[in-house]
Protein backbone atom coordinates (compact mmCIF):
# COMPACT_ATOMS: atom_id res chain seq x y z
CA MET A 1 176.25 118.81 -58.29
CA ALA A 2 173.39 119.53 -55.94
CA LYS A 3 169.81 118.77 -56.96
CA PRO A 4 167.78 121.89 -57.78
CA LYS A 5 164.41 122.54 -56.21
CA SER A 6 161.62 120.98 -58.21
CA LYS A 7 158.05 119.92 -57.70
CA GLN A 8 156.99 117.70 -60.55
CA ALA A 9 157.82 114.02 -60.89
CA VAL A 10 158.60 112.57 -64.30
CA SER A 11 158.08 109.08 -65.66
CA ARG A 12 160.90 106.60 -65.15
CA GLU A 13 161.46 105.69 -68.78
CA VAL A 14 164.76 104.82 -70.41
CA VAL A 15 166.20 107.71 -72.38
CA SER A 16 168.73 106.59 -74.98
CA LEU A 17 171.06 109.23 -76.36
CA THR A 18 171.70 108.40 -80.01
CA PRO A 19 175.03 109.88 -81.16
CA THR A 20 174.44 113.12 -83.01
CA PRO A 21 175.44 112.83 -86.70
CA SER A 22 178.68 114.60 -87.50
CA SER A 23 176.87 116.61 -90.18
CA GLU A 24 175.04 118.40 -87.36
CA THR A 25 178.07 118.98 -85.19
CA ASN A 26 180.83 119.81 -87.66
CA GLN A 27 180.35 123.49 -86.87
CA TRP A 28 180.21 122.89 -83.12
CA LYS A 29 183.03 123.64 -80.70
CA THR A 30 184.84 120.84 -78.86
CA TYR A 31 186.13 120.73 -75.31
CA ASP A 32 188.81 118.05 -74.90
CA ASN A 33 190.55 117.44 -71.58
CA LYS A 34 193.20 114.82 -72.28
CA GLN A 35 194.41 114.75 -68.67
CA ILE A 36 191.00 113.77 -67.31
CA GLY A 37 190.00 111.88 -70.46
CA VAL A 38 186.77 113.74 -71.21
CA SER A 39 185.55 115.45 -74.38
CA ILE A 40 182.23 117.00 -75.38
CA GLN A 41 180.90 119.07 -78.26
CA TYR A 42 178.56 122.04 -77.99
CA PRO A 43 176.94 124.57 -80.39
CA ALA A 44 179.10 127.39 -81.69
CA ASP A 45 176.85 130.04 -80.12
CA TRP A 46 177.19 128.51 -76.65
CA SER A 47 179.73 129.75 -74.09
CA MET A 48 182.19 127.65 -72.10
CA THR A 49 183.74 128.67 -68.79
CA LYS A 50 185.94 126.70 -66.42
CA SER A 51 184.75 126.18 -62.86
CA GLN A 52 186.46 125.37 -59.57
CA ASP A 53 184.73 124.23 -56.38
CA GLY A 54 187.40 124.54 -53.70
CA GLU A 55 190.30 122.14 -54.04
CA MET A 56 188.24 118.98 -54.43
CA MET A 57 186.32 119.54 -57.66
CA ALA A 58 186.80 121.28 -61.03
CA GLY A 59 184.92 121.30 -64.31
CA ILE A 60 183.35 123.31 -67.11
CA ASP A 61 180.03 125.12 -67.52
CA LEU A 62 178.39 125.23 -70.97
CA GLN A 63 175.51 127.63 -71.54
CA GLY A 64 173.34 128.74 -74.45
CA MET A 65 169.86 129.91 -75.35
CA GLN A 66 168.46 126.38 -74.92
CA GLY A 67 169.94 125.58 -71.51
CA GLU A 68 173.05 124.50 -69.62
CA VAL A 69 175.37 121.49 -69.37
CA HIS A 70 177.80 121.18 -66.47
CA LEU A 71 180.67 118.68 -66.23
CA ALA A 72 182.76 118.17 -63.09
CA TRP A 73 185.52 115.88 -61.87
CA GLY A 74 187.25 115.32 -58.55
CA THR A 75 185.80 114.25 -55.20
CA GLY A 76 182.69 115.18 -53.26
CA PHE A 77 179.92 113.86 -55.50
CA GLY A 78 176.81 112.70 -53.75
CA GLY A 79 173.29 113.60 -52.71
CA SER A 80 170.00 111.76 -52.77
CA CYS A 81 167.15 111.67 -55.25
CA ASP A 82 163.50 111.13 -54.49
CA GLU A 83 162.53 107.76 -55.97
CA GLU A 84 159.85 109.21 -58.24
CA HIS A 85 162.52 111.36 -59.92
CA LEU A 86 164.93 108.54 -60.76
CA ALA A 87 165.29 108.07 -64.51
CA ASN A 88 167.35 105.59 -66.50
CA ILE A 89 169.54 107.15 -69.15
CA GLN A 90 171.77 105.51 -71.73
CA ILE A 91 174.88 107.60 -72.17
CA TYR A 92 178.54 106.97 -73.01
CA GLY A 93 177.54 103.50 -74.25
CA GLU A 94 176.11 102.18 -71.00
CA MET A 95 173.00 102.43 -68.86
CA THR A 96 173.12 104.67 -65.81
CA GLN A 97 170.69 106.57 -63.63
CA SER A 98 169.99 110.24 -63.32
CA CYS A 99 167.73 112.38 -61.20
CA ARG A 100 165.26 113.94 -63.67
CA THR A 101 162.98 116.71 -62.44
CA ILE A 102 160.87 119.58 -63.77
CA ASP A 103 160.87 122.89 -61.93
CA ASP A 104 157.74 124.92 -61.31
CA ASP A 105 158.85 127.31 -64.06
CA GLY A 106 159.04 124.45 -66.58
CA LYS A 107 162.80 123.90 -66.68
CA GLU A 108 163.84 120.25 -67.03
CA ASN A 109 166.81 119.06 -64.97
CA TRP A 110 169.06 116.04 -65.44
CA ASN A 111 171.22 115.60 -62.34
CA GLN A 112 173.53 113.06 -60.70
CA ILE A 113 174.88 111.46 -63.88
CA TYR A 114 177.99 109.86 -62.42
CA LYS A 115 180.85 107.74 -63.75
CA GLU A 116 184.13 106.50 -62.30
CA LEU A 117 187.11 107.29 -64.51
CA PRO A 118 190.59 105.72 -64.20
CA ASN A 119 192.02 108.60 -62.16
CA THR A 120 189.04 110.52 -60.82
CA SER A 121 185.27 110.62 -60.37
CA PHE A 122 183.06 112.34 -62.93
CA GLY A 123 179.62 113.93 -62.76
CA ALA A 124 177.35 115.71 -65.21
CA ARG A 125 174.12 117.64 -64.99
CA ALA A 126 172.03 119.53 -67.52
CA ILE A 127 169.13 121.96 -67.67
CA ALA A 128 166.70 122.46 -70.57
CA TYR A 129 165.22 125.94 -70.41
CA THR A 130 161.51 126.62 -70.88
CA PRO A 131 159.89 125.41 -73.09
CA ALA A 132 161.69 122.21 -72.13
CA ASN A 133 159.91 120.08 -74.73
CA VAL A 134 161.55 122.25 -77.41
CA ASN A 135 165.00 122.77 -75.89
CA GLN A 136 165.44 119.21 -74.59
CA GLU A 137 166.53 118.04 -78.05
CA THR A 138 169.58 120.33 -78.06
CA ILE A 139 170.54 119.36 -74.51
CA LEU A 140 170.38 115.65 -75.26
CA LYS A 141 172.35 116.12 -78.48
CA ILE A 142 175.13 117.79 -76.50
CA LEU A 143 175.15 114.99 -73.93
CA SER A 144 175.28 112.43 -76.73
CA THR A 145 178.68 113.81 -77.80
CA LEU A 146 180.20 113.12 -74.39
CA ARG A 147 183.21 110.83 -74.74
CA PHE A 148 185.63 109.20 -72.29
CA THR A 149 189.01 108.74 -73.90
CA ASN A 150 191.13 107.05 -71.21
CA GLN A 151 188.98 103.99 -70.55
CA ASN A 152 191.75 101.53 -71.42
CA GLN A 153 194.22 103.02 -68.98
CA PRO A 154 194.74 101.14 -65.73
CA SER A 155 193.17 102.65 -62.66
CA LYS A 156 195.45 104.72 -60.55
CA SER A 157 195.89 102.95 -57.23
CA THR A 158 196.40 104.90 -54.03
CA ARG A 159 197.54 101.90 -52.02
CA THR A 160 201.05 103.34 -51.78
CA ASN A 161 199.71 106.81 -50.94
CA PRO A 162 201.00 107.80 -47.49
CA ASP A 163 197.71 109.61 -46.93
CA LEU A 164 195.81 106.32 -47.08
CA LYS A 165 194.94 105.22 -43.55
CA THR A 166 193.16 102.11 -42.31
CA TYR A 167 191.03 102.39 -39.20
CA THR A 168 190.22 99.20 -37.27
CA SER A 169 187.61 99.46 -34.51
CA PRO A 170 187.04 97.15 -31.56
CA LEU A 171 183.39 97.30 -32.62
CA GLY A 172 184.29 94.81 -35.35
CA ILE A 173 184.61 96.92 -38.49
CA SER A 174 187.45 98.50 -40.46
CA PHE A 175 187.69 100.95 -43.36
CA GLY A 176 190.16 103.04 -45.33
CA TYR A 177 190.28 106.80 -45.88
CA LEU A 178 192.64 109.44 -47.21
CA GLN A 179 193.83 111.58 -44.34
CA ASN A 180 194.39 114.64 -46.52
CA GLN A 181 191.35 115.73 -48.54
CA GLY A 182 192.49 118.82 -50.38
CA ALA A 183 192.98 121.51 -47.75
CA GLN A 184 191.30 119.40 -45.05
CA THR A 185 192.88 116.84 -42.73
CA ILE A 186 190.58 114.02 -41.65
CA SER A 187 190.73 112.48 -38.19
CA VAL A 188 188.77 109.55 -36.76
CA LYS A 189 187.09 109.71 -33.37
CA GLU A 190 185.33 106.79 -31.69
CA SER A 191 182.87 107.17 -28.82
CA GLY A 192 180.49 104.45 -27.70
CA ASN A 193 179.08 102.78 -30.81
CA LYS A 194 179.80 105.76 -33.09
CA ILE A 195 182.88 106.24 -35.31
CA CYS A 196 183.22 109.74 -36.72
CA LEU A 197 185.34 111.09 -39.58
CA THR A 198 185.76 114.85 -39.37
CA SER A 199 188.10 117.64 -40.39
CA ASP A 200 187.32 119.66 -37.25
CA ALA A 201 189.44 118.69 -34.26
CA GLN A 202 186.78 120.15 -31.94
CA ASP A 203 183.90 118.25 -33.54
CA ASN A 204 183.50 115.80 -30.68
CA SER A 205 179.79 115.19 -31.37
CA CYS A 206 180.34 114.70 -35.13
CA LEU A 207 178.00 117.54 -36.03
CA LYS A 208 180.21 118.52 -38.99
CA GLY A 209 181.59 115.14 -40.00
CA GLN A 210 180.34 111.77 -41.23
CA TYR A 211 179.84 108.72 -39.08
CA VAL A 212 178.89 105.09 -38.80
CA GLU A 213 177.09 103.58 -35.81
CA VAL A 214 177.50 99.88 -35.05
CA PHE A 215 174.53 98.13 -33.47
CA GLN A 216 174.10 94.53 -32.35
CA LYS A 217 171.21 92.49 -33.75
CA SER A 218 169.87 88.97 -33.60
CA ALA A 219 171.47 86.83 -36.29
CA ASN A 220 167.99 85.39 -36.94
CA ASP A 221 166.49 88.79 -37.79
CA SER A 222 166.54 90.06 -41.34
CA LEU A 223 167.85 93.55 -42.01
CA ASP A 224 164.29 94.90 -42.26
CA GLU A 225 163.20 93.18 -39.05
CA ALA A 226 166.20 94.53 -37.13
CA ILE A 227 165.54 98.10 -38.26
CA LYS A 228 161.88 97.85 -37.29
CA LYS A 229 162.70 96.44 -33.85
CA GLN A 230 165.42 98.93 -32.99
CA PHE A 231 164.12 102.14 -34.60
CA LEU A 232 160.44 101.91 -35.58
CA THR A 233 158.74 100.24 -32.60
CA ASN A 234 156.73 103.33 -31.66
CA TYR A 235 156.08 104.58 -35.21
CA SER A 236 153.16 103.89 -37.51
CA GLU A 237 154.01 102.08 -40.76
CA LYS A 238 151.87 104.69 -42.50
CA ASP A 239 154.37 107.34 -41.41
CA CYS A 240 157.70 105.48 -41.42
CA PHE A 241 158.74 102.26 -43.09
CA VAL A 242 161.78 100.27 -44.18
CA SER A 243 162.52 100.50 -47.88
CA ARG A 244 165.00 98.89 -50.26
CA ASP A 245 164.26 101.54 -52.90
CA TYR A 246 167.24 103.63 -51.88
CA PRO A 247 168.60 106.27 -54.28
CA TYR A 248 172.29 105.47 -53.81
CA THR A 249 172.88 103.42 -56.94
CA ASN A 250 176.51 104.57 -57.11
CA LEU A 251 177.37 102.83 -53.80
CA ASN A 252 178.67 99.36 -54.60
CA TYR A 253 179.22 96.65 -51.99
CA PRO A 254 180.02 92.91 -52.00
CA ASN A 255 177.11 90.60 -52.81
CA SER A 256 176.76 89.58 -49.17
CA TYR A 257 176.03 93.17 -48.11
CA GLU A 258 172.45 94.47 -47.91
CA MET A 259 171.31 98.10 -47.77
CA ALA A 260 168.04 99.60 -46.57
CA ILE A 261 166.68 102.99 -45.52
CA ILE A 262 163.91 104.36 -43.35
CA SER A 263 161.57 106.24 -45.66
CA PHE A 264 158.22 108.02 -45.49
CA PRO A 265 155.33 109.08 -47.77
CA LYS A 266 156.43 112.02 -49.88
CA ASN A 267 154.52 115.26 -49.38
CA SER A 268 152.17 116.04 -52.27
CA ASP A 269 151.64 119.64 -51.14
CA SER A 270 153.83 121.75 -53.41
CA SER A 271 153.91 124.57 -50.86
CA VAL A 272 156.07 122.54 -48.45
CA PRO A 273 159.32 120.57 -48.99
CA TRP A 274 158.94 116.98 -50.21
CA TRP A 275 160.82 115.74 -47.13
CA LYS A 276 158.46 117.42 -44.63
CA ASN A 277 156.91 114.10 -43.57
CA ALA A 278 160.33 112.94 -42.39
CA ASP A 279 159.56 114.91 -39.23
CA LYS A 280 157.29 112.05 -38.19
CA CYS A 281 160.16 109.52 -38.32
CA PRO A 282 163.19 108.93 -36.10
CA ALA A 283 165.99 111.40 -36.68
CA PRO A 284 168.77 111.05 -37.76
CA TYR A 285 168.00 107.54 -39.03
CA THR A 286 165.54 108.62 -41.73
CA THR A 287 166.74 109.32 -45.26
CA GLY A 288 165.93 112.87 -46.33
CA GLY A 289 168.10 115.33 -48.22
CA GLY A 290 171.46 113.63 -47.59
CA VAL A 291 172.97 110.15 -47.78
CA ALA A 292 171.89 108.00 -44.81
CA TYR A 293 171.39 104.23 -44.84
CA PHE A 294 171.64 100.93 -42.96
CA LEU A 295 174.02 98.13 -43.93
CA GLN A 296 174.31 94.46 -43.03
CA ASP A 297 176.73 91.73 -44.07
CA LYS A 298 174.80 88.46 -44.34
CA ASP A 299 178.04 86.64 -43.52
CA HIS A 300 178.16 88.50 -40.16
CA PRO A 301 174.44 88.87 -39.38
CA ASN A 302 174.88 89.92 -35.74
CA LYS A 303 175.84 93.48 -36.68
CA LEU A 304 173.75 96.36 -38.04
CA LEU A 305 175.51 99.49 -39.33
CA PHE A 306 174.03 102.93 -39.88
CA PHE A 307 175.85 105.50 -42.01
CA LYS A 308 175.17 109.24 -41.84
CA ILE A 309 177.08 110.79 -44.75
CA GLY A 310 175.30 113.96 -45.85
CA GLN A 311 175.94 115.53 -49.24
CA TYR A 312 179.68 115.23 -49.79
CA GLY A 313 182.20 112.41 -49.95
CA ILE A 314 185.28 111.65 -47.85
CA MET A 315 187.50 109.71 -50.21
CA SER A 316 189.42 106.48 -49.80
CA GLU A 317 191.46 104.54 -52.39
CA ASN A 318 190.62 103.84 -56.02
CA ASN A 319 188.00 106.60 -56.26
CA LEU A 320 185.84 105.04 -53.54
CA VAL A 321 184.34 106.92 -50.64
CA TRP A 322 185.36 105.63 -47.22
CA ASN A 323 181.98 104.05 -46.44
CA GLN A 324 182.33 101.81 -49.51
CA THR A 325 185.51 100.26 -48.06
CA VAL A 326 184.00 99.09 -44.77
CA ILE A 327 184.73 95.50 -43.78
CA ILE A 328 182.50 93.86 -41.15
CA ASN A 329 184.16 91.21 -39.00
């Protein structure tokens, strides 16, 4: 579910998908996966193929003259979205966010449409081919037929799963993770103030894994003040700044937790990547193409956490990624 390359921002309006009348879809085909609890309709002249991304994600790919719609379920969803590309979208009866972009060739992309289902995580993305203003109608009609049929089933708990491990650090945090992630076995390594989750036994520097760093801070400093003091002292606010406009709307924490990122002015030169200006900010603490953010628990204000996640998820229980389960003591 990676975000395609695009250059043009789009307005952040709310797009409401009105259910397509049955008179328009009675000749359409239907894909219905009762095990996952997902169904969708698509035009009769469109093709449908099943897809498999390793052992952690599966789905279907729909394609026609007007564009593409891709559905996926499993683990490993993630990625960031430039703030100017965030768009609200009303789908499956509730408001959610997507990453809406327009490519240089005029294609319109709807990415990172996520939902938690009782037994798995779900993601959708769609592309309206050029001319997008003509083909968008068909794409949105297809998305409007998306249904989730197992919503009343109780969530499948993994608390009795022998793969579920709890790691407690002397740094004053704990979290849960599933040791076996498909074909990969996750191990936890702690060195200094860094706790690393990796599937590579030789990854001692956590170059291939995900990690959290635990820093001490003054209890009197706000989250923004602590980040500025510890990471941005020698940087101009014109180049690097603390922002609460983070793109990770699918990461949910208790009300006492606060998130922030180090951000930068986005590059307006279409000949270079939008994240180019991140080079002026402290690496790896600046949010660019992958998930990276700071976290504080206002009930334990003497600690400042930094998560470096990247573009995939290491799962814990109840369809949460491990970094959502962190408890700060």
